[in-house]
Amino acid sequence: MSAMKDTIKRILPVPVLEAAKWVVDRLLILKTWPLAMLHPWRRESMSKVAALKNSHAGERCFIIGNGPSLQKMDLSPLRNEITFGMNRIYLMFPTLGFETTYFVSVNDLVVEQCSEDIQTLKIPSFVAWHARKWLKPADHLHFLYTTYYGKKFAKNAVERVWESATVTNVALQLAYHMGFKTVILIGVDHNFTTKGKPNTTIVSDGDDPNHFNPSYFGKGFRWQLPDLETSEIGYRMARDAYQADGRQILDATVDGKLDIFPKVDFTTLF
């Protein structure tokens, strides 16, 4: 199969390949669209997400990644800020002494293995519609129609949201939907010690060196290797969408490797 793909790439010009991929992406979206739009769980979530449109107009928020750099920061100033936490951020709640304002998780492997934790959270939580089989409807849960395919930046999170290989981009689209004027990233290290082919599913064989807690993706946890290139496509789209609307995304990650957003010193923000 790999040899066939390489042959096709050599034969077909790039514009044709891009056009073909665009068509395939749209067909995949159409395949999943009816259930995602008509199912009662999804319809209820659409109403709840719609009610959040511009609910934080003009405000600022912090999107907290899960990188090891969080251990280098004093996060206590965030107690009185609006925050988005992602995936297994709740492992940090006891240390923080507070919970994030919102929670986001869209990766199937994360939701499957952490469904009990996500189900019992009390904060407003946004999860992928395609991961619904591991969860039950609840007041705090919002099922988003997220897809792996079809590049876009969703200004309206009621509609389809492109994941772009990172939950951080989903959080950026949610923050835009809610009307935040300034979004500040922390813990988005954009750098992984574990290397390999992007999107490959692996099983952790020990402590996790890629996140703030060694047990984050600890021994026996199944997870996917990062696709930083696709993530950067989404980040650039987010940057451009915010700038076009007079808003901004800043990066206050300590020693982060992401170079798409303006850098800012976290300690100067309070």
C-alpha atoms as a PDB file:
ATOM      1  CA  MET A   1       0.000   0.000   0.000  1.00  0.00           C
ATOM      2  CA  SER A   2       2.840   2.388   0.873  1.00  0.00           C
ATOM      3  CA  ALA A   3       4.532   1.704  -2.470  1.00  0.00           C
ATOM      4  CA  MET A   4       1.264   2.403  -4.290  1.00  0.00           C
ATOM      5  CA  LYS A   5       0.874   5.741  -2.512  1.00  0.00           C
ATOM      6  CA  ASP A   6       4.424   6.714  -3.435  1.00  0.00           C
ATOM      7  CA  THR A   7       3.766   5.821  -7.077  1.00  0.00           C
ATOM      8  CA  ILE A   8       0.584   7.912  -7.144  1.00  0.00           C
ATOM      9  CA  LYS A   9       2.467  10.872  -5.679  1.00  0.00           C
ATOM     10  CA  ARG A  10       5.096  10.620  -8.419  1.00  0.00           C
ATOM     11  CA  ILE A  11       2.551  10.363 -11.220  1.00  0.00           C
ATOM     12  CA  LEU A  12      -0.054  12.932 -10.213  1.00  0.00           C
ATOM     13  CA  PRO A  13       0.740  16.642  -9.917  1.00  0.00           C
ATOM     14  CA  VAL A  14       0.273  18.265  -6.506  1.00  0.00           C
ATOM     15  CA  PRO A  15      -2.881  20.267  -7.475  1.00  0.00           C
ATOM     16  CA  VAL A  16      -4.625  17.050  -8.542  1.00  0.00           C
ATOM     17  CA  LEU A  17      -3.641  15.302  -5.319  1.00  0.00           C
ATOM     18  CA  GLU A  18      -4.914  18.225  -3.263  1.00  0.00           C
ATOM     19  CA  ALA A  19      -8.184  18.287  -5.182  1.00  0.00           C
ATOM     20  CA  ALA A  20      -8.636  14.545  -4.711  1.00  0.00           C
ATOM     21  CA  LYS A  21      -7.970  14.837  -0.994  1.00  0.00           C
ATOM     22  CA  TRP A  22     -10.472  17.692  -0.738  1.00  0.00           C
ATOM     23  CA  VAL A  23     -13.150  15.523  -2.371  1.00  0.00           C
ATOM     24  CA  VAL A  24     -12.400  12.565  -0.085  1.00  0.00           C
ATOM     25  CA  ASP A  25     -12.522  14.801   2.984  1.00  0.00           C
ATOM     26  CA  ARG A  26     -15.933  16.155   1.995  1.00  0.00           C
ATOM     27  CA  LEU A  27     -17.287  12.669   1.347  1.00  0.00           C
ATOM     28  CA  LEU A  28     -16.169  11.587   4.801  1.00  0.00           C
ATOM     29  CA  ILE A  29     -17.848  14.629   6.323  1.00  0.00           C
ATOM     30  CA  LEU A  30     -21.082  13.911   4.472  1.00  0.00           C
ATOM     31  CA  LYS A  31     -20.957  10.320   5.693  1.00  0.00           C
ATOM     32  CA  THR A  32     -20.933  11.358   9.355  1.00  0.00           C
ATOM     33  CA  TRP A  33     -23.036  14.515   9.092  1.00  0.00           C
ATOM     34  CA  PRO A  34     -26.639  13.204   9.340  1.00  0.00           C
ATOM     35  CA  LEU A  35     -26.272  11.393  12.665  1.00  0.00           C
ATOM     36  CA  ALA A  36     -24.130  14.167  14.093  1.00  0.00           C
ATOM     37  CA  MET A  37     -26.794  16.745  13.269  1.00  0.00           C
ATOM     38  CA  LEU A  38     -29.975  14.824  14.021  1.00  0.00           C
ATOM     39  CA  HIS A  39     -29.224  12.657  17.057  1.00  0.00           C
ATOM     40  CA  PRO A  40     -30.994  13.970  20.214  1.00  0.00           C
ATOM     41  CA  TRP A  41     -27.740  14.088  22.233  1.00  0.00           C
ATOM     42  CA  ARG A  42     -26.136  16.152  19.532  1.00  0.00           C
ATOM     43  CA  ARG A  43     -29.174  18.414  19.102  1.00  0.00           C
ATOM     44  CA  GLU A  44     -29.171  19.171  22.834  1.00  0.00           C
ATOM     45  CA  SER A  45     -25.447  19.918  22.718  1.00  0.00           C
ATOM     46  CA  MET A  46     -25.915  22.227  19.746  1.00  0.00           C
ATOM     47  CA  SER A  47     -28.379  24.283  21.782  1.00  0.00           C
ATOM     48  CA  LYS A  48     -26.027  24.443  24.765  1.00  0.00           C
ATOM     49  CA  VAL A  49     -23.043  25.450  22.613  1.00  0.00           C
ATOM     50  CA  ALA A  50     -25.133  28.027  20.746  1.00  0.00           C
ATOM     51  CA  ALA A  51     -26.036  29.628  24.079  1.00  0.00           C
ATOM     52  CA  LEU A  52     -22.319  30.166  24.752  1.00  0.00           C
ATOM     53  CA  LYS A  53     -21.797  32.252  21.603  1.00  0.00           C
ATOM     54  CA  ASN A  54     -20.016  35.498  22.614  1.00  0.00           C
ATOM     55  CA  SER A  55     -20.695  34.743  26.281  1.00  0.00           C
ATOM     56  CA  HIS A  56     -17.182  36.028  27.068  1.00  0.00           C
ATOM     57  CA  ALA A  57     -17.010  38.814  24.504  1.00  0.00           C
ATOM     58  CA  GLY A  58     -13.979  41.050  25.005  1.00  0.00           C
ATOM     59  CA  GLU A  59     -12.519  38.974  27.845  1.00  0.00           C
ATOM     60  CA  ARG A  60      -9.270  37.024  28.074  1.00  0.00           C
ATOM     61  CA  CYS A  61      -8.665  33.378  28.842  1.00  0.00           C
ATOM     62  CA  PHE A  62      -5.830  30.909  29.266  1.00  0.00           C
ATOM     63  CA  ILE A  63      -5.608  27.611  27.399  1.00  0.00           C
ATOM     64  CA  ILE A  64      -3.511  25.235  29.461  1.00  0.00           C
ATOM     65  CA  GLY A  65      -1.566  22.623  27.545  1.00  0.00           C
ATOM     66  CA  ASN A  66      -0.179  19.552  29.262  1.00  0.00           C
ATOM     67  CA  GLY A  67       3.549  19.892  28.596  1.00  0.00           C
ATOM     68  CA  PRO A  68       6.307  19.373  31.187  1.00  0.00           C
ATOM     69  CA  SER A  69       6.890  23.141  31.183  1.00  0.00           C
ATOM     70  CA  LEU A  70       3.907  23.542  33.521  1.00  0.00           C
ATOM     71  CA  GLN A  71       6.160  22.229  36.272  1.00  0.00           C
ATOM     72  CA  LYS A  72       8.366  25.305  35.804  1.00  0.00           C
ATOM     73  CA  MET A  73       5.499  27.728  36.418  1.00  0.00           C
ATOM     74  CA  ASP A  74       3.615  29.154  39.347  1.00  0.00           C
ATOM     75  CA  LEU A  75       0.040  28.667  38.182  1.00  0.00           C
ATOM     76  CA  SER A  76      -1.609  30.152  41.269  1.00  0.00           C
ATOM     77  CA  PRO A  77      -2.459  33.450  39.452  1.00  0.00           C
ATOM     78  CA  LEU A  78      -4.852  31.468  37.250  1.00  0.00           C
ATOM     79  CA  ARG A  79      -7.195  30.875  40.165  1.00  0.00           C
ATOM     80  CA  ASN A  80      -9.128  34.022  39.260  1.00  0.00           C
ATOM     81  CA  GLU A  81      -8.824  33.647  35.474  1.00  0.00           C
ATOM     82  CA  ILE A  82     -10.979  31.890  32.885  1.00  0.00           C
ATOM     83  CA  THR A  83      -9.158  28.737  31.853  1.00  0.00           C
ATOM     84  CA  PHE A  84      -9.480  25.842  29.421  1.00  0.00           C
ATOM     85  CA  GLY A  85      -7.972  22.530  30.523  1.00  0.00           C
ATOM     86  CA  MET A  86      -7.544  19.571  28.187  1.00  0.00           C
ATOM     87  CA  ASN A  87      -7.365  15.781  28.265  1.00  0.00           C
ATOM     88  CA  ARG A  88      -5.870  14.675  31.603  1.00  0.00           C
ATOM     89  CA  ILE A  89      -5.408  18.163  33.083  1.00  0.00           C
ATOM     90  CA  TYR A  90      -7.586  17.054  36.003  1.00  0.00           C
ATOM     91  CA  LEU A  91      -4.558  15.159  37.357  1.00  0.00           C
ATOM     92  CA  MET A  92      -3.236  18.602  38.279  1.00  0.00           C
ATOM     93  CA  PHE A  93      -6.385  19.861  40.019  1.00  0.00           C
ATOM     94  CA  PRO A  94      -5.353  18.686  43.525  1.00  0.00           C
ATOM     95  CA  THR A  95      -2.014  20.497  43.202  1.00  0.00           C
ATOM     96  CA  LEU A  96      -3.563  23.596  41.670  1.00  0.00           C
ATOM     97  CA  GLY A  97      -6.188  23.847  44.366  1.00  0.00           C
ATOM     98  CA  PHE A  98      -8.808  24.742  41.769  1.00  0.00           C
ATOM     99  CA  GLU A  99     -10.384  23.357  38.599  1.00  0.00           C
ATOM    100  CA  THR A 100     -10.209  24.883  35.156  1.00  0.00           C
ATOM    101  CA  THR A 101     -13.292  26.779  34.006  1.00  0.00           C
ATOM    102  CA  TYR A 102     -13.776  24.547  30.974  1.00  0.00           C
ATOM    103  CA  PHE A 103     -12.527  21.129  29.865  1.00  0.00           C
ATOM    104  CA  VAL A 104     -11.915  19.809  26.331  1.00  0.00           C
ATOM    105  CA  SER A 105     -11.085  16.288  25.091  1.00  0.00           C
ATOM    106  CA  VAL A 106     -11.591  14.959  21.560  1.00  0.00           C
ATOM    107  CA  ASN A 107      -9.109  12.103  21.061  1.00  0.00           C
ATOM    108  CA  ASP A 108     -10.793   8.678  20.995  1.00  0.00           C
ATOM    109  CA  LEU A 109      -7.994   6.916  22.872  1.00  0.00           C
ATOM    110  CA  VAL A 110      -8.030   9.508  25.656  1.00  0.00           C
ATOM    111  CA  VAL A 111     -11.809   9.513  26.015  1.00  0.00           C
ATOM    112  CA  GLU A 112     -12.020   5.715  25.910  1.00  0.00           C
ATOM    113  CA  GLN A 113      -9.422   5.185  28.644  1.00  0.00           C
ATOM    114  CA  CYS A 114     -10.470   8.167  30.776  1.00  0.00           C
ATOM    115  CA  SER A 115     -14.239   8.066  30.261  1.00  0.00           C
ATOM    116  CA  GLU A 116     -15.006   7.521  33.937  1.00  0.00           C
ATOM    117  CA  ASP A 117     -12.929  10.561  34.920  1.00  0.00           C
ATOM    118  CA  ILE A 118     -14.531  12.726  32.224  1.00  0.00           C
ATOM    119  CA  GLN A 119     -18.020  11.532  33.077  1.00  0.00           C
ATOM    120  CA  THR A 120     -17.636  12.567  36.721  1.00  0.00           C
ATOM    121  CA  LEU A 121     -16.216  16.058  36.082  1.00  0.00           C
ATOM    122  CA  LYS A 122     -18.489  18.880  37.211  1.00  0.00           C
ATOM    123  CA  ILE A 123     -17.134  21.671  35.006  1.00  0.00           C
ATOM    124  CA  PRO A 124     -18.528  22.391  31.507  1.00  0.00           C
ATOM    125  CA  SER A 125     -16.822  19.809  29.281  1.00  0.00           C
ATOM    126  CA  PHE A 126     -16.546  19.585  25.499  1.00  0.00           C
ATOM    127  CA  VAL A 127     -15.979  16.167  23.960  1.00  0.00           C
ATOM    128  CA  ALA A 128     -15.957  14.763  20.442  1.00  0.00           C
ATOM    129  CA  TRP A 129     -19.208  13.411  19.076  1.00  0.00           C
ATOM    130  CA  HIS A 130     -17.305  10.482  17.580  1.00  0.00           C
ATOM    131  CA  ALA A 131     -16.244   9.478  21.135  1.00  0.00           C
ATOM    132  CA  ARG A 132     -19.808   9.342  22.462  1.00  0.00           C
ATOM    133  CA  LYS A 133     -19.868   5.539  22.803  1.00  0.00           C
ATOM    134  CA  TRP A 134     -17.724   5.808  25.932  1.00  0.00           C
ATOM    135  CA  LEU A 135     -19.865   8.490  27.595  1.00  0.00           C
ATOM    136  CA  LYS A 136     -23.428   9.132  28.675  1.00  0.00           C
ATOM    137  CA  PRO A 137     -25.315  12.425  28.324  1.00  0.00           C
ATOM    138  CA  ALA A 138     -24.865  14.747  31.295  1.00  0.00           C
ATOM    139  CA  ASP A 139     -25.541  18.383  32.061  1.00  0.00           C
ATOM    140  CA  HIS A 140     -21.832  19.250  31.962  1.00  0.00           C
ATOM    141  CA  LEU A 141     -21.121  17.447  28.679  1.00  0.00           C
ATOM    142  CA  HIS A 142     -21.235  19.147  25.266  1.00  0.00           C
ATOM    143  CA  PHE A 143     -20.795  16.873  22.246  1.00  0.00           C
ATOM    144  CA  LEU A 144     -18.940  18.702  19.457  1.00  0.00           C
ATOM    145  CA  TYR A 145     -18.962  17.586  15.832  1.00  0.00           C
ATOM    146  CA  THR A 146     -15.196  17.389  15.397  1.00  0.00           C
ATOM    147  CA  THR A 147     -13.435  15.721  12.465  1.00  0.00           C
ATOM    148  CA  TYR A 148      -9.914  14.583  11.632  1.00  0.00           C
ATOM    149  CA  TYR A 149     -10.373  15.798   8.046  1.00  0.00           C
ATOM    150  CA  GLY A 150     -11.558  18.915   6.210  1.00  0.00           C
ATOM    151  CA  LYS A 151      -9.211  21.781   7.153  1.00  0.00           C
ATOM    152  CA  LYS A 152     -11.042  24.812   8.520  1.00  0.00           C
ATOM    153  CA  PHE A 153     -11.213  27.210  11.434  1.00  0.00           C
ATOM    154  CA  ALA A 154     -14.700  27.119  12.938  1.00  0.00           C
ATOM    155  CA  LYS A 155     -15.889  30.523  14.101  1.00  0.00           C
ATOM    156  CA  ASN A 156     -19.146  28.859  15.146  1.00  0.00           C
ATOM    157  CA  ALA A 157     -18.526  25.765  17.301  1.00  0.00           C
ATOM    158  CA  VAL A 158     -22.118  24.611  16.783  1.00  0.00           C
ATOM    159  CA  GLU A 159     -20.975  23.523  13.348  1.00  0.00           C
ATOM    160  CA  ARG A 160     -18.099  21.228  12.392  1.00  0.00           C
ATOM    161  CA  VAL A 161     -14.798  21.797  14.180  1.00  0.00           C
ATOM    162  CA  TRP A 162     -11.531  20.570  12.660  1.00  0.00           C
ATOM    163  CA  GLU A 163      -9.209  18.913  15.175  1.00  0.00           C
ATOM    164  CA  SER A 164      -5.970  19.494  13.230  1.00  0.00           C
ATOM    165  CA  ALA A 165      -4.244  16.783  15.269  1.00  0.00           C
ATOM    166  CA  THR A 166      -4.381  18.616  18.592  1.00  0.00           C
ATOM    167  CA  VAL A 167      -7.057  19.311  21.177  1.00  0.00           C
ATOM    168  CA  THR A 168      -5.484  22.756  21.651  1.00  0.00           C
ATOM    169  CA  ASN A 169      -6.845  23.860  18.284  1.00  0.00           C
ATOM    170  CA  VAL A 170     -10.329  22.737  19.290  1.00  0.00           C
ATOM    171  CA  ALA A 171     -10.009  24.855  22.430  1.00  0.00           C
ATOM    172  CA  LEU A 172      -8.904  27.837  20.313  1.00  0.00           C
ATOM    173  CA  GLN A 173     -12.030  27.498  18.174  1.00  0.00           C
ATOM    174  CA  LEU A 174     -14.227  27.236  21.253  1.00  0.00           C
ATOM    175  CA  ALA A 175     -12.593  30.344  22.717  1.00  0.00           C
ATOM    176  CA  TYR A 176     -13.277  32.231  19.492  1.00  0.00           C
ATOM    177  CA  HIS A 177     -16.905  31.046  19.547  1.00  0.00           C
ATOM    178  CA  MET A 178     -17.259  32.341  23.107  1.00  0.00           C
ATOM    179  CA  GLY A 179     -15.945  35.744  22.074  1.00  0.00           C
ATOM    180  CA  PHE A 180     -12.633  35.940  23.935  1.00  0.00           C
ATOM    181  CA  LYS A 181     -10.525  38.841  22.683  1.00  0.00           C
ATOM    182  CA  THR A 182      -7.189  37.574  24.011  1.00  0.00           C
ATOM    183  CA  VAL A 183      -6.206  33.935  24.388  1.00  0.00           C
ATOM    184  CA  ILE A 184      -2.967  33.016  26.155  1.00  0.00           C
ATOM    185  CA  LEU A 185      -1.366  29.596  25.715  1.00  0.00           C
ATOM    186  CA  ILE A 186       0.707  27.965  28.432  1.00  0.00           C
ATOM    187  CA  GLY A 187       2.081  24.442  28.619  1.00  0.00           C
ATOM    188  CA  VAL A 188       1.942  24.087  24.833  1.00  0.00           C
ATOM    189  CA  ASP A 189       5.540  22.867  24.579  1.00  0.00           C
ATOM    190  CA  HIS A 190       5.120  21.624  20.988  1.00  0.00           C
ATOM    191  CA  ASN A 191       7.994  19.247  21.640  1.00  0.00           C
ATOM    192  CA  PHE A 192       7.904  15.528  22.412  1.00  0.00           C
ATOM    193  CA  THR A 193      10.699  13.335  23.722  1.00  0.00           C
ATOM    194  CA  THR A 194       9.050  10.246  22.249  1.00  0.00           C
ATOM    195  CA  LYS A 195       9.653  10.130  18.489  1.00  0.00           C
ATOM    196  CA  GLY A 196       8.065   8.158  15.663  1.00  0.00           C
ATOM    197  CA  LYS A 197       5.667   8.294  12.741  1.00  0.00           C
ATOM    198  CA  PRO A 198       2.899  10.856  13.397  1.00  0.00           C
ATOM    199  CA  ASN A 199      -0.488   9.472  14.470  1.00  0.00           C
ATOM    200  CA  THR A 200       0.927   6.004  15.181  1.00  0.00           C
ATOM    201  CA  THR A 201      -0.749   4.352  18.169  1.00  0.00           C
ATOM    202  CA  ILE A 202       1.739   3.111  20.745  1.00  0.00           C
ATOM    203  CA  VAL A 203       1.526   1.700  24.271  1.00  0.00           C
ATOM    204  CA  SER A 204       3.511   3.455  26.968  1.00  0.00           C
ATOM    205  CA  ASP A 205       6.060   1.209  28.651  1.00  0.00           C
ATOM    206  CA  GLY A 206       6.856   3.449  31.596  1.00  0.00           C
ATOM    207  CA  ASP A 207       6.679   6.982  32.984  1.00  0.00           C
ATOM    208  CA  ASP A 208       5.523   9.699  30.592  1.00  0.00           C
ATOM    209  CA  PRO A 209       8.277  12.246  29.773  1.00  0.00           C
ATOM    210  CA  ASN A 210       6.066  14.295  27.444  1.00  0.00           C
ATOM    211  CA  HIS A 211       3.551  15.729  29.919  1.00  0.00           C
ATOM    212  CA  PHE A 212       3.436  17.443  33.298  1.00  0.00           C
ATOM    213  CA  ASN A 213       2.776  14.212  35.193  1.00  0.00           C
ATOM    214  CA  PRO A 214       4.724  10.929  34.738  1.00  0.00           C
ATOM    215  CA  SER A 215       1.435   9.024  34.979  1.00  0.00           C
ATOM    216  CA  TYR A 216      -0.289  11.201  32.352  1.00  0.00           C
ATOM    217  CA  PHE A 217       0.195   8.565  29.647  1.00  0.00           C
ATOM    218  CA  GLY A 218       1.796   6.123  32.055  1.00  0.00           C
ATOM    219  CA  LYS A 219       2.657   2.460  31.628  1.00  0.00           C
ATOM    220  CA  GLY A 220       0.048   0.578  29.608  1.00  0.00           C
ATOM    221  CA  PHE A 221      -1.713   3.713  28.292  1.00  0.00           C
ATOM    222  CA  ARG A 222      -2.445   3.710  24.560  1.00  0.00           C
ATOM    223  CA  TRP A 223      -1.798   7.021  22.806  1.00  0.00           C
ATOM    224  CA  GLN A 224      -0.973   8.479  19.400  1.00  0.00           C
ATOM    225  CA  LEU A 225       2.330  10.052  18.476  1.00  0.00           C
ATOM    226  CA  PRO A 226       1.941  13.771  17.717  1.00  0.00           C
ATOM    227  CA  ASP A 227       1.472  15.210  14.245  1.00  0.00           C
ATOM    228  CA  LEU A 228       3.117  18.584  14.786  1.00  0.00           C
ATOM    229  CA  GLU A 229       2.996  19.560  11.107  1.00  0.00           C
ATOM    230  CA  THR A 230      -0.793  19.241  10.937  1.00  0.00           C
ATOM    231  CA  SER A 231      -1.113  20.983  14.293  1.00  0.00           C
ATOM    232  CA  GLU A 232       0.823  23.944  12.919  1.00  0.00           C
ATOM    233  CA  ILE A 233      -1.576  24.238   9.979  1.00  0.00           C
ATOM    234  CA  GLY A 234      -4.413  24.615  12.459  1.00  0.00           C
ATOM    235  CA  TYR A 235      -2.478  27.055  14.604  1.00  0.00           C
ATOM    236  CA  ARG A 236      -1.796  29.319  11.623  1.00  0.00           C
ATOM    237  CA  MET A 237      -5.470  29.272  10.681  1.00  0.00           C
ATOM    238  CA  ALA A 238      -6.382  30.180  14.256  1.00  0.00           C
ATOM    239  CA  ARG A 239      -3.839  33.008  14.345  1.00  0.00           C
ATOM    240  CA  ASP A 240      -5.154  34.471  11.101  1.00  0.00           C
ATOM    241  CA  ALA A 241      -8.815  34.187  12.147  1.00  0.00           C
ATOM    242  CA  TYR A 242      -8.171  35.961  15.448  1.00  0.00           C
ATOM    243  CA  GLN A 243      -6.070  38.709  13.843  1.00  0.00           C
ATOM    244  CA  ALA A 244      -8.683  39.352  11.147  1.00  0.00           C
ATOM    245  CA  ASP A 245     -11.223  40.021  13.889  1.00  0.00           C
ATOM    246  CA  GLY A 246      -8.970  42.276  15.971  1.00  0.00           C
ATOM    247  CA  ARG A 247      -8.247  39.577  18.518  1.00  0.00           C
ATOM    248  CA  GLN A 248      -4.996  37.874  19.488  1.00  0.00           C
ATOM    249  CA  ILE A 249      -3.437  34.603  20.596  1.00  0.00           C
ATOM    250  CA  LEU A 250      -0.314  34.922  22.746  1.00  0.00           C
ATOM    251  CA  ASP A 251       2.105  32.177  23.772  1.00  0.00           C
ATOM    252  CA  ALA A 252       3.359  32.276  27.372  1.00  0.00           C
ATOM    253  CA  THR A 253       4.702  28.720  27.379  1.00  0.00           C
ATOM    254  CA  VAL A 254       8.047  28.467  29.172  1.00  0.00           C
ATOM    255  CA  ASP A 255      10.739  27.364  26.684  1.00  0.00           C
ATOM    256  CA  GLY A 256       8.066  26.331  24.172  1.00  0.00           C
ATOM    257  CA  LYS A 257       9.078  25.326  20.641  1.00  0.00           C
ATOM    258  CA  LEU A 258       5.988  26.724  18.902  1.00  0.00           C
ATOM    259  CA  ASP A 259       6.893  29.833  16.869  1.00  0.00           C
ATOM    260  CA  ILE A 260       3.548  30.801  15.346  1.00  0.00           C
ATOM    261  CA  PHE A 261       2.155  33.114  18.030  1.00  0.00           C
ATOM    262  CA  PRO A 262       3.750  36.186  19.651  1.00  0.00           C
ATOM    263  CA  LYS A 263       5.645  35.284  22.827  1.00  0.00           C
ATOM    264  CA  VAL A 264       4.857  36.860  26.162  1.00  0.00           C
ATOM    265  CA  ASP A 265       6.271  36.458  29.674  1.00  0.00           C
ATOM    266  CA  PHE A 266       3.636  34.775  31.837  1.00  0.00           C
ATOM    267  CA  THR A 267       4.698  36.703  34.940  1.00  0.00           C
ATOM    268  CA  THR A 268       3.942  40.063  33.284  1.00  0.00           C
ATOM    269  CA  LEU A 269       0.292  39.253  32.706  1.00  0.00           C
ATOM    270  CA  PHE A 270      -0.952  39.830  36.252  1.00  0.00           C
END
